[in-house]
Amino acid sequence: MIMGQRGETVKQQQLRVGQLVESKQGRDQGRHFIVIDILDDQYALLVDGSLRRLDKPKKKKLKHFKVSNQISEEIKNRIESDSKLNNAFIRKEIERLTGDETE
């Protein structure tokens, strides 16, 4: 594993709250999620607003999803400021970021 400046892995450095990711492994393979929390150097909490809602996010290993370079600044700001965030908004943001209306 390649280590970065503060002892973080390269993948962890690239991962941000509000970032769009795509599952590579498991039953949810190919689904898009938004990162709502980074637990440690191996796990993050992911939501998609439908199967994985805000009240029960998916705990997934970093190696099991592909990181995109798209970040929802609105979701990031709402999470950081503890503002209102709901599942419908998560779904709309994933749809907007992916350009896919079938999510």
N, C-alpha and C. Protein backbone atom coordinates (compact mmCIF):
# COMPACT_ATOMS: atom_id res chain seq x y z
N MET A 1 0.84 -1.17 0.00
CA MET A 1 0.00 0.00 0.00
C MET A 1 0.89 1.24 0.00
N ILE A 2 0.62 2.18 -0.86
CA ILE A 2 1.42 3.40 -0.97
C ILE A 2 0.95 4.40 0.07
N MET A 3 1.88 4.92 0.84
CA MET A 3 1.54 5.86 1.89
C MET A 3 1.83 7.29 1.46
N GLY A 4 0.97 8.20 1.86
CA GLY A 4 1.12 9.61 1.52
C GLY A 4 1.77 10.39 2.63
N GLN A 5 1.53 11.69 2.65
CA GLN A 5 2.19 12.59 3.59
C GLN A 5 1.91 12.27 5.05
N ARG A 6 0.68 12.29 5.48
CA ARG A 6 0.36 12.13 6.89
C ARG A 6 0.11 10.68 7.27
N GLY A 7 0.71 9.75 6.57
CA GLY A 7 0.51 8.35 6.87
C GLY A 7 -0.78 7.80 6.29
N GLU A 8 -1.46 8.57 5.42
CA GLU A 8 -2.70 8.12 4.80
C GLU A 8 -2.39 7.41 3.49
N THR A 9 -3.21 6.48 3.14
CA THR A 9 -3.04 5.83 1.84
C THR A 9 -3.42 6.81 0.75
N VAL A 10 -2.95 6.56 -0.45
CA VAL A 10 -3.27 7.43 -1.59
C VAL A 10 -4.78 7.47 -1.81
N LYS A 11 -5.45 6.32 -1.71
CA LYS A 11 -6.90 6.27 -1.92
C LYS A 11 -7.62 7.12 -0.88
N GLN A 12 -7.17 7.07 0.38
CA GLN A 12 -7.81 7.84 1.43
C GLN A 12 -7.62 9.33 1.20
N GLN A 13 -6.46 9.74 0.69
CA GLN A 13 -6.22 11.16 0.42
C GLN A 13 -7.18 11.67 -0.64
N GLN A 14 -7.52 10.83 -1.62
CA GLN A 14 -8.38 11.24 -2.72
C GLN A 14 -9.85 11.25 -2.32
N LEU A 15 -10.23 10.53 -1.29
CA LEU A 15 -11.62 10.39 -0.90
C LEU A 15 -12.06 11.57 -0.04
N ARG A 16 -13.22 12.13 -0.37
CA ARG A 16 -13.76 13.28 0.36
C ARG A 16 -15.24 13.06 0.67
N VAL A 17 -15.72 13.66 1.74
CA VAL A 17 -17.14 13.64 2.05
C VAL A 17 -17.88 14.35 0.92
N GLY A 18 -18.97 13.77 0.47
CA GLY A 18 -19.75 14.34 -0.63
C GLY A 18 -19.34 13.82 -2.00
N GLN A 19 -18.34 12.96 -2.03
CA GLN A 19 -17.81 12.47 -3.30
C GLN A 19 -18.65 11.32 -3.84
N LEU A 20 -18.80 11.27 -5.16
CA LEU A 20 -19.51 10.20 -5.85
C LEU A 20 -18.57 9.02 -6.03
N VAL A 21 -19.05 7.82 -5.69
CA VAL A 21 -18.27 6.60 -5.88
C VAL A 21 -19.16 5.54 -6.53
N GLU A 22 -18.51 4.52 -7.10
CA GLU A 22 -19.24 3.41 -7.71
C GLU A 22 -18.74 2.10 -7.11
N SER A 23 -19.67 1.26 -6.70
CA SER A 23 -19.33 -0.02 -6.08
C SER A 23 -18.71 -0.97 -7.11
N LYS A 24 -17.60 -1.62 -6.71
CA LYS A 24 -16.95 -2.59 -7.58
C LYS A 24 -17.24 -4.02 -7.16
N GLN A 25 -17.66 -4.22 -5.91
CA GLN A 25 -17.83 -5.56 -5.35
C GLN A 25 -19.16 -5.67 -4.62
N GLY A 26 -19.68 -6.87 -4.54
CA GLY A 26 -20.86 -7.15 -3.73
C GLY A 26 -22.16 -7.08 -4.52
N ARG A 27 -23.26 -7.21 -3.78
CA ARG A 27 -24.59 -7.18 -4.40
C ARG A 27 -24.89 -5.85 -5.06
N ASP A 28 -24.28 -4.80 -4.56
CA ASP A 28 -24.54 -3.45 -5.07
C ASP A 28 -23.55 -3.05 -6.18
N GLN A 29 -22.88 -4.01 -6.76
CA GLN A 29 -21.88 -3.74 -7.81
C GLN A 29 -22.50 -2.89 -8.93
N GLY A 30 -21.79 -1.81 -9.29
CA GLY A 30 -22.24 -0.93 -10.36
C GLY A 30 -23.11 0.22 -9.89
N ARG A 31 -23.58 0.20 -8.64
CA ARG A 31 -24.42 1.29 -8.11
C ARG A 31 -23.55 2.47 -7.69
N HIS A 32 -24.13 3.66 -7.80
CA HIS A 32 -23.45 4.87 -7.38
C HIS A 32 -23.89 5.26 -5.97
N PHE A 33 -22.94 5.77 -5.20
CA PHE A 33 -23.18 6.20 -3.83
C PHE A 33 -22.49 7.54 -3.60
N ILE A 34 -22.87 8.19 -2.51
CA ILE A 34 -22.21 9.40 -2.02
C ILE A 34 -21.56 9.07 -0.69
N VAL A 35 -20.32 9.51 -0.51
CA VAL A 35 -19.59 9.31 0.75
C VAL A 35 -20.13 10.31 1.77
N ILE A 36 -20.60 9.81 2.91
CA ILE A 36 -21.07 10.72 3.96
C ILE A 36 -20.12 10.76 5.16
N ASP A 37 -19.22 9.77 5.23
CA ASP A 37 -18.24 9.78 6.32
C ASP A 37 -17.10 8.83 5.96
N ILE A 38 -15.89 9.19 6.39
CA ILE A 38 -14.72 8.34 6.22
C ILE A 38 -14.35 7.86 7.62
N LEU A 39 -14.52 6.56 7.85
CA LEU A 39 -14.35 6.01 9.20
C LEU A 39 -12.89 5.86 9.59
N ASP A 40 -12.09 5.29 8.70
CA ASP A 40 -10.66 5.10 8.96
C ASP A 40 -9.98 4.87 7.62
N ASP A 41 -8.79 4.28 7.65
CA ASP A 41 -8.05 4.10 6.40
C ASP A 41 -8.57 2.94 5.56
N GLN A 42 -9.59 2.22 6.05
CA GLN A 42 -10.13 1.09 5.29
C GLN A 42 -11.61 1.20 4.96
N TYR A 43 -12.38 1.98 5.73
CA TYR A 43 -13.84 1.99 5.58
C TYR A 43 -14.39 3.41 5.41
N ALA A 44 -15.51 3.48 4.67
CA ALA A 44 -16.28 4.71 4.52
C ALA A 44 -17.76 4.37 4.62
N LEU A 45 -18.57 5.36 4.97
CA LEU A 45 -20.02 5.19 5.00
C LEU A 45 -20.60 5.78 3.72
N LEU A 46 -21.43 4.99 3.03
CA LEU A 46 -21.98 5.39 1.73
C LEU A 46 -23.50 5.36 1.77
N VAL A 47 -24.13 6.28 1.02
CA VAL A 47 -25.59 6.29 0.88
C VAL A 47 -25.95 6.51 -0.59
N ASP A 48 -27.13 6.01 -0.97
CA ASP A 48 -27.63 6.29 -2.31
C ASP A 48 -29.04 6.89 -2.27
N GLY A 49 -29.62 7.01 -1.09
CA GLY A 49 -30.93 7.63 -0.95
C GLY A 49 -32.09 6.69 -1.20
N SER A 50 -31.83 5.48 -1.70
CA SER A 50 -32.93 4.54 -1.92
C SER A 50 -32.68 3.24 -1.16
N LEU A 51 -31.78 2.39 -1.64
CA LEU A 51 -31.48 1.14 -0.91
C LEU A 51 -30.68 1.42 0.35
N ARG A 52 -29.74 2.31 0.26
CA ARG A 52 -28.93 2.71 1.42
C ARG A 52 -29.27 4.15 1.76
N ARG A 53 -30.11 4.28 2.77
CA ARG A 53 -30.62 5.59 3.15
C ARG A 53 -29.74 6.20 4.25
N LEU A 54 -29.99 7.47 4.54
CA LEU A 54 -29.21 8.18 5.55
C LEU A 54 -29.31 7.54 6.93
N ASP A 55 -30.45 6.93 7.24
CA ASP A 55 -30.61 6.31 8.56
C ASP A 55 -29.90 4.97 8.67
N LYS A 56 -29.47 4.38 7.53
CA LYS A 56 -28.74 3.11 7.56
C LYS A 56 -27.71 3.09 6.42
N PRO A 57 -26.63 3.87 6.55
CA PRO A 57 -25.62 3.90 5.48
C PRO A 57 -24.85 2.60 5.36
N LYS A 58 -24.26 2.38 4.21
CA LYS A 58 -23.46 1.17 3.94
C LYS A 58 -22.03 1.41 4.38
N LYS A 59 -21.52 0.52 5.24
CA LYS A 59 -20.12 0.56 5.62
C LYS A 59 -19.38 -0.31 4.61
N LYS A 60 -18.50 0.29 3.83
CA LYS A 60 -17.85 -0.43 2.74
C LYS A 60 -16.35 -0.17 2.76
N LYS A 61 -15.58 -1.22 2.45
CA LYS A 61 -14.13 -1.07 2.36
C LYS A 61 -13.77 -0.20 1.16
N LEU A 62 -12.75 0.64 1.32
CA LEU A 62 -12.31 1.52 0.25
C LEU A 62 -11.91 0.76 -1.00
N LYS A 63 -11.35 -0.42 -0.84
CA LYS A 63 -10.91 -1.18 -2.01
C LYS A 63 -12.08 -1.75 -2.80
N HIS A 64 -13.30 -1.69 -2.25
CA HIS A 64 -14.46 -2.26 -2.92
C HIS A 64 -15.29 -1.23 -3.69
N PHE A 65 -14.81 0.00 -3.79
CA PHE A 65 -15.49 0.96 -4.64
C PHE A 65 -14.51 1.84 -5.39
N LYS A 66 -14.98 2.34 -6.52
CA LYS A 66 -14.18 3.17 -7.41
C LYS A 66 -14.53 4.64 -7.15
N VAL A 67 -13.51 5.44 -6.90
CA VAL A 67 -13.69 6.86 -6.60
C VAL A 67 -13.77 7.66 -7.90
N SER A 68 -14.75 8.53 -7.98
CA SER A 68 -14.82 9.43 -9.14
C SER A 68 -14.24 10.78 -8.72
N ASN A 69 -14.08 11.66 -9.68
CA ASN A 69 -13.55 12.99 -9.35
C ASN A 69 -14.67 13.99 -9.14
N GLN A 70 -15.91 13.51 -9.03
CA GLN A 70 -17.05 14.40 -8.84
C GLN A 70 -17.44 14.46 -7.36
N ILE A 71 -17.61 15.70 -6.88
CA ILE A 71 -18.00 15.92 -5.50
C ILE A 71 -19.23 16.82 -5.49
N SER A 72 -20.22 16.46 -4.69
CA SER A 72 -21.38 17.32 -4.49
C SER A 72 -21.02 18.29 -3.37
N GLU A 73 -20.71 19.51 -3.76
CA GLU A 73 -20.35 20.53 -2.77
C GLU A 73 -21.52 20.81 -1.83
N GLU A 74 -22.73 20.75 -2.36
CA GLU A 74 -23.92 21.01 -1.54
C GLU A 74 -24.06 19.96 -0.43
N ILE A 75 -23.89 18.69 -0.77
CA ILE A 75 -23.97 17.63 0.25
C ILE A 75 -22.82 17.78 1.23
N LYS A 76 -21.62 18.03 0.73
CA LYS A 76 -20.45 18.21 1.60
C LYS A 76 -20.69 19.34 2.60
N ASN A 77 -21.20 20.47 2.12
CA ASN A 77 -21.45 21.61 3.00
C ASN A 77 -22.54 21.32 4.02
N ARG A 78 -23.60 20.62 3.59
CA ARG A 78 -24.68 20.28 4.52
C ARG A 78 -24.21 19.32 5.61
N ILE A 79 -23.38 18.35 5.26
CA ILE A 79 -22.87 17.40 6.26
C ILE A 79 -21.94 18.12 7.23
N GLU A 80 -21.06 18.95 6.71
CA GLU A 80 -20.09 19.64 7.57
C GLU A 80 -20.77 20.64 8.50
N SER A 81 -21.88 21.24 8.07
CA SER A 81 -22.55 22.24 8.91
C SER A 81 -23.75 21.66 9.65
N ASP A 82 -23.95 20.34 9.57
CA ASP A 82 -25.10 19.67 10.21
C ASP A 82 -26.43 20.25 9.77
N SER A 83 -26.52 20.69 8.51
CA SER A 83 -27.77 21.21 7.97
C SER A 83 -28.66 20.05 7.54
N LYS A 84 -29.90 20.37 7.22
CA LYS A 84 -30.87 19.35 6.82
C LYS A 84 -30.42 18.66 5.53
N LEU A 85 -30.49 17.34 5.55
CA LEU A 85 -30.13 16.52 4.39
C LEU A 85 -31.11 15.36 4.36
N ASN A 86 -31.73 15.10 3.19
CA ASN A 86 -32.68 13.99 3.12
C ASN A 86 -32.35 13.07 1.95
N ASN A 87 -33.00 11.92 1.93
CA ASN A 87 -32.72 10.90 0.92
C ASN A 87 -33.09 11.34 -0.49
N ALA A 88 -34.16 12.12 -0.62
CA ALA A 88 -34.56 12.60 -1.95
C ALA A 88 -33.46 13.49 -2.54
N PHE A 89 -32.86 14.32 -1.70
CA PHE A 89 -31.79 15.19 -2.19
C PHE A 89 -30.57 14.37 -2.61
N ILE A 90 -30.25 13.33 -1.84
CA ILE A 90 -29.14 12.44 -2.20
C ILE A 90 -29.39 11.82 -3.57
N ARG A 91 -30.61 11.30 -3.80
CA ARG A 91 -30.95 10.69 -5.08
C ARG A 91 -30.82 11.69 -6.23
N LYS A 92 -31.29 12.92 -6.02
CA LYS A 92 -31.21 13.95 -7.06
C LYS A 92 -29.77 14.32 -7.38
N GLU A 93 -28.94 14.38 -6.36
CA GLU A 93 -27.53 14.71 -6.57
C GLU A 93 -26.80 13.59 -7.32
N ILE A 94 -27.08 12.34 -6.98
CA ILE A 94 -26.47 11.22 -7.70
C ILE A 94 -26.90 11.25 -9.16
N GLU A 95 -28.18 11.51 -9.38
CA GLU A 95 -28.71 11.61 -10.75
C GLU A 95 -28.03 12.75 -11.52
N ARG A 96 -27.86 13.88 -10.85
CA ARG A 96 -27.22 15.04 -11.49
C ARG A 96 -25.75 14.75 -11.82
N LEU A 97 -25.05 14.15 -10.87
CA LEU A 97 -23.62 13.90 -11.05
C LEU A 97 -23.34 12.81 -12.09
N THR A 98 -24.22 11.82 -12.17
CA THR A 98 -24.00 10.72 -13.11
C THR A 98 -24.64 10.99 -14.46
N GLY A 99 -25.61 11.90 -14.50
CA GLY A 99 -26.34 12.14 -15.73
C GLY A 99 -27.26 10.98 -16.08
N ASP A 100 -27.56 10.15 -15.08
CA ASP A 100 -28.35 8.94 -15.27
C ASP A 100 -29.65 9.08 -14.48
N GLU A 101 -30.77 8.95 -15.14
CA GLU A 101 -32.06 9.11 -14.47
C GLU A 101 -32.65 7.79 -14.02
N THR A 102 -31.89 6.70 -14.12
CA THR A 102 -32.42 5.39 -13.73
C THR A 102 -31.92 4.94 -12.37
N GLU A 103 -31.13 5.73 -11.67
CA GLU A 103 -30.58 5.32 -10.37
C GLU A 103 -31.66 5.14 -9.36
